[in-house]
């Protein structure tokens, strides 16, 4: 069975095309939950006006779905709580000069 740690690790491969940093370090992945072999991921975008949500969901499905023990992936785009830069990792802040 897949672990939450393996999922979070795989999600580092999902890159924001504009900022060129991964969604985990940007603090855009809010929650990962495993039910049997199904993985539920809650994520957000830096702004609701950003149109890359479907592309990101597809990438999450691809990278997490390729893990052994995963049957289905259910990425869900949410906007509450609202994303703020303080959710970023130290590495992401450094990369962006914050």
N, C-alpha and C. Protein backbone atom coordinates (compact mmCIF):
# COMPACT_ATOMS: atom_id res chain seq x y z
N UNK A 1 0.84 -1.19 0.00
CA UNK A 1 0.00 0.00 0.00
C UNK A 1 0.88 1.25 0.00
N UNK A 2 0.47 2.24 -0.75
CA UNK A 2 1.21 3.49 -0.84
C UNK A 2 1.12 4.24 0.50
N UNK A 3 2.17 5.00 0.80
CA UNK A 3 2.17 5.79 2.03
C UNK A 3 1.97 7.27 1.71
N UNK A 4 1.55 8.02 2.71
CA UNK A 4 1.37 9.45 2.54
C UNK A 4 2.71 10.11 2.18
N UNK A 5 3.77 9.64 2.78
CA UNK A 5 5.10 10.18 2.50
C UNK A 5 5.47 9.99 1.02
N UNK A 6 5.16 8.84 0.45
CA UNK A 6 5.44 8.59 -0.97
C UNK A 6 4.63 9.54 -1.86
N UNK A 7 3.42 9.81 -1.46
CA UNK A 7 2.56 10.71 -2.24
C UNK A 7 3.11 12.12 -2.20
N UNK A 8 3.44 12.61 -1.00
CA UNK A 8 3.99 13.96 -0.88
C UNK A 8 5.29 14.08 -1.69
N UNK A 9 6.10 13.05 -1.65
CA UNK A 9 7.35 13.04 -2.41
C UNK A 9 7.07 13.13 -3.91
N UNK A 10 6.11 12.36 -4.39
CA UNK A 10 5.76 12.38 -5.82
C UNK A 10 5.22 13.74 -6.24
N UNK A 11 4.49 14.39 -5.35
CA UNK A 11 3.89 15.68 -5.69
C UNK A 11 4.93 16.79 -5.90
N UNK A 12 6.15 16.55 -5.45
CA UNK A 12 7.23 17.52 -5.72
C UNK A 12 7.51 17.63 -7.22
N UNK A 13 7.03 16.67 -8.01
CA UNK A 13 7.24 16.70 -9.46
C UNK A 13 6.23 17.60 -10.17
N UNK A 14 5.23 18.08 -9.46
CA UNK A 14 4.23 18.96 -10.06
C UNK A 14 4.74 20.40 -9.92
N UNK A 15 5.09 20.99 -11.05
CA UNK A 15 5.77 22.29 -11.07
C UNK A 15 4.83 23.39 -11.55
N UNK A 16 4.87 24.52 -10.86
CA UNK A 16 4.15 25.71 -11.32
C UNK A 16 4.93 26.24 -12.52
N UNK A 17 4.31 26.30 -13.71
CA UNK A 17 5.06 26.69 -14.91
C UNK A 17 5.54 28.13 -14.89
N UNK A 18 4.87 28.99 -14.18
CA UNK A 18 5.27 30.39 -14.14
C UNK A 18 6.39 30.63 -13.13
N UNK A 19 6.26 30.05 -11.94
CA UNK A 19 7.25 30.26 -10.89
C UNK A 19 8.39 29.25 -10.94
N UNK A 20 8.20 28.15 -11.67
CA UNK A 20 9.19 27.08 -11.82
C UNK A 20 9.61 26.48 -10.48
N UNK A 21 8.65 26.38 -9.57
CA UNK A 21 8.84 25.72 -8.28
C UNK A 21 7.71 24.72 -8.11
N UNK A 22 7.96 23.71 -7.27
CA UNK A 22 6.94 22.68 -7.14
C UNK A 22 5.80 23.10 -6.20
N UNK A 23 4.67 22.47 -6.40
CA UNK A 23 3.45 22.80 -5.67
C UNK A 23 3.57 22.55 -4.17
N UNK A 24 4.35 21.56 -3.79
CA UNK A 24 4.52 21.28 -2.36
C UNK A 24 5.29 22.41 -1.70
N UNK A 25 6.45 22.78 -2.26
CA UNK A 25 7.25 23.85 -1.66
C UNK A 25 6.54 25.20 -1.71
N UNK A 26 5.69 25.39 -2.71
CA UNK A 26 4.93 26.64 -2.77
C UNK A 26 3.78 26.66 -1.75
N UNK A 27 3.54 25.53 -1.11
CA UNK A 27 2.46 25.47 -0.12
C UNK A 27 1.08 25.38 -0.73
N UNK A 28 1.01 24.91 -1.97
CA UNK A 28 -0.26 24.86 -2.70
C UNK A 28 -0.99 23.53 -2.52
N UNK A 29 -0.33 22.53 -1.95
CA UNK A 29 -1.00 21.26 -1.64
C UNK A 29 -1.39 21.32 -0.17
N UNK A 30 -2.68 21.26 0.08
CA UNK A 30 -3.17 21.42 1.44
C UNK A 30 -3.36 20.10 2.18
N UNK A 31 -3.78 19.06 1.47
CA UNK A 31 -4.12 17.83 2.17
C UNK A 31 -3.97 16.63 1.25
N UNK A 32 -3.50 15.53 1.82
CA UNK A 32 -3.44 14.25 1.12
C UNK A 32 -4.11 13.23 2.04
N UNK A 33 -5.03 12.47 1.47
CA UNK A 33 -5.74 11.46 2.25
C UNK A 33 -5.82 10.18 1.43
N UNK A 34 -5.56 9.06 2.08
CA UNK A 34 -5.60 7.76 1.42
C UNK A 34 -6.79 6.98 1.97
N UNK A 35 -7.63 6.50 1.08
CA UNK A 35 -8.75 5.63 1.43
C UNK A 35 -8.62 4.37 0.60
N UNK A 36 -8.28 3.27 1.25
CA UNK A 36 -7.97 2.03 0.54
C UNK A 36 -6.85 2.32 -0.45
N UNK A 37 -7.08 2.19 -1.73
CA UNK A 37 -6.05 2.47 -2.73
C UNK A 37 -6.35 3.76 -3.49
N UNK A 38 -7.29 4.54 -2.99
CA UNK A 38 -7.65 5.81 -3.62
C UNK A 38 -6.98 6.96 -2.87
N UNK A 39 -6.44 7.91 -3.64
CA UNK A 39 -5.74 9.05 -3.05
C UNK A 39 -6.53 10.32 -3.35
N UNK A 40 -6.84 11.08 -2.30
CA UNK A 40 -7.55 12.34 -2.42
C UNK A 40 -6.57 13.46 -2.08
N UNK A 41 -6.48 14.43 -2.99
CA UNK A 41 -5.53 15.53 -2.83
C UNK A 41 -6.30 16.84 -2.91
N UNK A 42 -6.15 17.69 -1.90
CA UNK A 42 -6.72 19.04 -1.95
C UNK A 42 -5.58 20.00 -2.24
N UNK A 43 -5.77 20.81 -3.27
CA UNK A 43 -4.74 21.78 -3.64
C UNK A 43 -5.40 23.10 -4.01
N UNK A 44 -4.59 24.11 -4.10
CA UNK A 44 -5.08 25.43 -4.48
C UNK A 44 -4.12 26.05 -5.49
N UNK A 45 -4.43 27.26 -5.88
CA UNK A 45 -3.58 28.03 -6.79
C UNK A 45 -3.24 29.35 -6.11
N UNK A 46 -2.24 30.04 -6.62
CA UNK A 46 -1.86 31.30 -5.97
C UNK A 46 -2.96 32.34 -6.06
N UNK A 47 -3.82 32.21 -7.07
CA UNK A 47 -4.95 33.13 -7.23
C UNK A 47 -6.08 32.39 -7.94
N UNK A 48 -7.33 32.67 -7.58
CA UNK A 48 -8.45 32.02 -8.27
C UNK A 48 -8.50 32.34 -9.77
N UNK A 49 -7.88 33.42 -10.20
CA UNK A 49 -7.90 33.80 -11.61
C UNK A 49 -6.95 32.96 -12.45
N UNK A 50 -6.07 32.22 -11.81
CA UNK A 50 -5.11 31.37 -12.53
C UNK A 50 -5.85 30.23 -13.21
N UNK A 51 -5.56 30.00 -14.47
CA UNK A 51 -6.30 29.00 -15.24
C UNK A 51 -5.64 27.63 -15.36
N UNK A 52 -4.61 27.35 -14.56
CA UNK A 52 -3.90 26.09 -14.74
C UNK A 52 -4.44 24.94 -13.89
N UNK A 53 -5.53 25.16 -13.19
CA UNK A 53 -6.08 24.13 -12.31
C UNK A 53 -6.26 22.77 -12.97
N UNK A 54 -6.92 22.68 -14.14
CA UNK A 54 -7.10 21.37 -14.77
C UNK A 54 -5.77 20.71 -15.16
N UNK A 55 -4.80 21.49 -15.61
CA UNK A 55 -3.50 20.95 -15.97
C UNK A 55 -2.80 20.38 -14.74
N UNK A 56 -2.88 21.10 -13.63
CA UNK A 56 -2.25 20.65 -12.39
C UNK A 56 -2.92 19.37 -11.90
N UNK A 57 -4.24 19.32 -11.95
CA UNK A 57 -4.96 18.12 -11.54
C UNK A 57 -4.53 16.92 -12.38
N UNK A 58 -4.37 17.13 -13.68
CA UNK A 58 -3.92 16.04 -14.56
C UNK A 58 -2.51 15.57 -14.18
N UNK A 59 -1.62 16.53 -13.89
CA UNK A 59 -0.25 16.17 -13.50
C UNK A 59 -0.24 15.39 -12.19
N UNK A 60 -1.06 15.83 -11.23
CA UNK A 60 -1.15 15.12 -9.95
C UNK A 60 -1.65 13.70 -10.17
N UNK A 61 -2.65 13.58 -11.01
CA UNK A 61 -3.19 12.25 -11.33
C UNK A 61 -2.10 11.37 -11.93
N UNK A 62 -1.31 11.94 -12.82
CA UNK A 62 -0.26 11.18 -13.51
C UNK A 62 0.85 10.74 -12.55
N UNK A 63 1.40 11.68 -11.76
CA UNK A 63 2.55 11.34 -10.91
C UNK A 63 2.15 10.46 -9.73
N UNK A 64 1.02 10.74 -9.13
CA UNK A 64 0.59 9.94 -7.98
C UNK A 64 0.00 8.61 -8.46
N UNK A 65 -0.71 8.65 -9.58
CA UNK A 65 -1.30 7.44 -10.13
C UNK A 65 -0.27 6.41 -10.58
N UNK A 66 0.95 6.85 -10.82
CA UNK A 66 2.00 5.92 -11.24
C UNK A 66 2.65 5.19 -10.06
N UNK A 67 2.31 5.59 -8.85
CA UNK A 67 2.88 4.93 -7.67
C UNK A 67 2.24 3.57 -7.46
N UNK A 68 3.07 2.62 -7.06
CA UNK A 68 2.56 1.28 -6.79
C UNK A 68 1.57 1.33 -5.62
N UNK A 69 0.45 0.69 -5.80
CA UNK A 69 -0.56 0.63 -4.75
C UNK A 69 -1.64 1.69 -4.85
N UNK A 70 -1.57 2.54 -5.87
CA UNK A 70 -2.60 3.57 -6.07
C UNK A 70 -3.57 3.10 -7.14
N UNK A 71 -4.84 3.07 -6.80
CA UNK A 71 -5.87 2.68 -7.77
C UNK A 71 -6.39 3.90 -8.53
N UNK A 72 -6.76 4.94 -7.79
CA UNK A 72 -7.32 6.15 -8.39
C UNK A 72 -6.84 7.37 -7.63
N UNK A 73 -6.77 8.50 -8.35
CA UNK A 73 -6.36 9.77 -7.75
C UNK A 73 -7.48 10.77 -7.97
N UNK A 74 -7.80 11.50 -6.90
CA UNK A 74 -8.88 12.47 -6.96
C UNK A 74 -8.36 13.84 -6.51
N UNK A 75 -7.75 14.60 -7.43
CA UNK A 75 -7.30 15.94 -7.09
C UNK A 75 -8.51 16.88 -7.01
N UNK A 76 -8.53 17.71 -5.99
CA UNK A 76 -9.66 18.64 -5.83
C UNK A 76 -9.11 20.04 -5.60
N UNK A 77 -9.47 20.95 -6.49
CA UNK A 77 -9.05 22.34 -6.40
C UNK A 77 -9.96 23.07 -5.43
N UNK A 78 -9.37 23.70 -4.41
CA UNK A 78 -10.14 24.46 -3.43
C UNK A 78 -9.53 25.86 -3.28
N UNK A 79 -10.29 26.78 -2.77
CA UNK A 79 -9.78 28.14 -2.54
C UNK A 79 -9.96 28.60 -1.10
N UNK A 80 -10.33 27.70 -0.22
CA UNK A 80 -10.41 27.98 1.20
C UNK A 80 -9.65 26.91 1.95
N UNK A 81 -8.69 27.23 2.76
CA UNK A 81 -8.27 28.60 3.06
C UNK A 81 -7.50 29.20 1.89
N UNK A 82 -7.57 30.48 1.80
CA UNK A 82 -6.89 31.20 0.73
C UNK A 82 -5.38 31.05 0.89
N UNK A 83 -4.68 30.88 -0.23
CA UNK A 83 -3.23 30.75 -0.21
C UNK A 83 -2.59 32.10 0.05
N UNK A 84 -1.53 32.09 0.85
CA UNK A 84 -0.71 33.27 1.09
C UNK A 84 0.76 32.84 1.03
N UNK A 85 1.67 33.75 0.72
CA UNK A 85 3.08 33.39 0.59
C UNK A 85 3.68 32.77 1.86
N UNK A 86 3.09 33.00 3.01
CA UNK A 86 3.65 32.42 4.24
C UNK A 86 3.50 30.90 4.28
N UNK A 87 2.74 30.32 3.35
CA UNK A 87 2.59 28.86 3.27
C UNK A 87 3.77 28.20 2.55
N UNK A 88 4.63 28.98 1.93
CA UNK A 88 5.77 28.45 1.18
C UNK A 88 6.86 27.93 2.11
N UNK A 89 7.62 26.96 1.62
CA UNK A 89 8.78 26.47 2.37
C UNK A 89 9.88 27.53 2.34
N UNK A 90 10.86 27.35 3.22
CA UNK A 90 12.01 28.26 3.24
C UNK A 90 12.75 28.24 1.91
N UNK A 91 12.87 27.05 1.31
CA UNK A 91 13.55 26.93 0.02
C UNK A 91 12.84 27.73 -1.06
N UNK A 92 11.52 27.68 -1.08
CA UNK A 92 10.75 28.41 -2.09
C UNK A 92 10.89 29.91 -1.86
N UNK A 93 10.85 30.34 -0.61
CA UNK A 93 11.02 31.77 -0.32
C UNK A 93 12.39 32.25 -0.78
N UNK A 94 13.42 31.45 -0.51
CA UNK A 94 14.76 31.81 -0.92
C UNK A 94 14.86 31.91 -2.44
N UNK A 95 14.29 30.93 -3.14
CA UNK A 95 14.33 30.91 -4.61
C UNK A 95 13.65 32.12 -5.21
N UNK A 96 12.62 32.61 -4.53
CA UNK A 96 11.87 33.77 -5.03
C UNK A 96 12.38 35.08 -4.44
N UNK A 97 13.40 35.02 -3.60
CA UNK A 97 13.98 36.23 -3.02
C UNK A 97 13.09 36.87 -1.97
N UNK A 98 12.33 36.06 -1.26
CA UNK A 98 11.45 36.61 -0.21
C UNK A 98 12.02 36.41 1.17
